[in-house]
Amino acid sequence: MICPFCGKEMRKGILSGDGRSAVTWKEGDRKAPLMDRIVGTGTVTAAKHTLTTFTIESYFCADCRKMLFDTDVTT
């Protein structure tokens, strides 16, 4: 995917969290392994912690530090 902000290629990955540790992003189609979560590799600083787990497929642009993912809000 091309970044709509800077026009460079974005990397596809997975946002994940377990409610006990930081939310992480890892390139590819699998969530970050335990060792990456322990040392803080891929930590997403804007995320808030909750008591639930999740994964979200997303795209990350390292140049402009933007992340995109598809979502819908149920009202």
Protein backbone atom coordinates (compact mmCIF):
# COMPACT_ATOMS: atom_id res chain seq x y z
CA MET A 1 0.00 0.00 0.00
CA ILE A 2 1.21 3.50 -0.80
CA CYS A 3 1.18 6.02 2.06
CA PRO A 4 -1.40 8.75 1.34
CA PHE A 5 0.69 11.27 3.28
CA CYS A 6 4.19 10.91 1.77
CA GLY A 7 3.70 8.59 -1.23
CA LYS A 8 6.19 5.93 -0.08
CA GLU A 9 5.52 2.21 0.36
CA MET A 10 3.89 1.17 3.66
CA ARG A 11 4.65 -2.10 5.47
CA LYS A 12 1.81 -4.50 6.25
CA GLY A 13 1.67 -5.89 9.79
CA ILE A 14 -0.40 -6.76 12.85
CA LEU A 15 -1.31 -4.61 15.87
CA SER A 16 -1.75 -6.78 18.96
CA GLY A 17 -2.11 -6.56 22.71
CA ASP A 18 -3.07 -8.74 25.65
CA GLY A 19 -4.16 -6.22 28.28
CA ARG A 20 -1.09 -6.84 30.46
CA SER A 21 1.61 -5.31 28.29
CA ALA A 22 2.04 -2.60 25.66
CA VAL A 23 0.27 -2.69 22.31
CA THR A 24 2.77 -3.81 19.64
CA TRP A 25 3.07 -3.78 15.85
CA LYS A 26 4.95 -6.46 13.91
CA GLU A 27 5.48 -6.61 10.18
CA GLY A 28 3.89 -9.67 8.56
CA ASP A 29 0.77 -11.66 9.37
CA ARG A 30 1.51 -12.78 12.95
CA LYS A 31 1.51 -10.86 16.21
CA ALA A 32 4.76 -10.01 17.98
CA PRO A 33 6.42 -12.93 19.82
CA LEU A 34 6.83 -12.88 23.60
CA MET A 35 10.50 -11.83 23.51
CA ASP A 36 9.70 -8.77 21.34
CA ARG A 37 6.96 -7.77 23.79
CA ILE A 38 9.31 -8.21 26.78
CA VAL A 39 12.04 -5.95 25.33
CA GLY A 40 9.53 -3.46 23.87
CA THR A 41 10.21 -3.99 20.16
CA GLY A 42 7.32 -2.58 18.10
CA THR A 43 5.55 -0.87 21.03
CA VAL A 44 2.78 1.50 19.90
CA THR A 45 2.98 4.43 22.31
CA ALA A 46 -0.42 5.96 21.44
CA ALA A 47 -2.37 2.88 22.56
CA LYS A 48 -4.20 2.59 25.85
CA HIS A 49 -4.15 -0.68 27.79
CA THR A 50 -7.33 -2.63 28.56
CA LEU A 51 -8.14 -6.05 29.99
CA THR A 52 -8.88 -7.63 26.60
CA THR A 53 -6.75 -9.00 23.78
CA PHE A 54 -6.91 -8.01 20.12
CA THR A 55 -5.18 -8.06 16.73
CA ILE A 56 -5.72 -5.57 13.89
CA GLU A 57 -4.23 -5.86 10.38
CA SER A 58 -2.60 -2.52 9.60
CA TYR A 59 -0.10 -0.69 7.41
CA PHE A 60 2.77 1.39 8.83
CA CYS A 61 4.85 4.11 7.14
CA ALA A 62 8.22 4.43 8.88
CA ASP A 63 8.99 7.71 7.10
CA CYS A 64 6.00 9.76 8.28
CA ARG A 65 5.12 7.53 11.27
CA LYS A 66 1.49 7.02 10.20
CA MET A 67 -0.50 3.81 10.58
CA LEU A 68 -3.64 2.88 8.63
CA PHE A 69 -6.24 0.19 9.25
CA ASP A 70 -9.82 -0.41 8.14
CA THR A 71 -12.51 -0.13 10.77
CA ASP A 72 -16.18 0.51 11.36
CA VAL A 73 -17.92 1.95 14.39
CA THR A 74 -21.15 0.33 15.50
CA THR A 75 -23.64 2.90 16.74
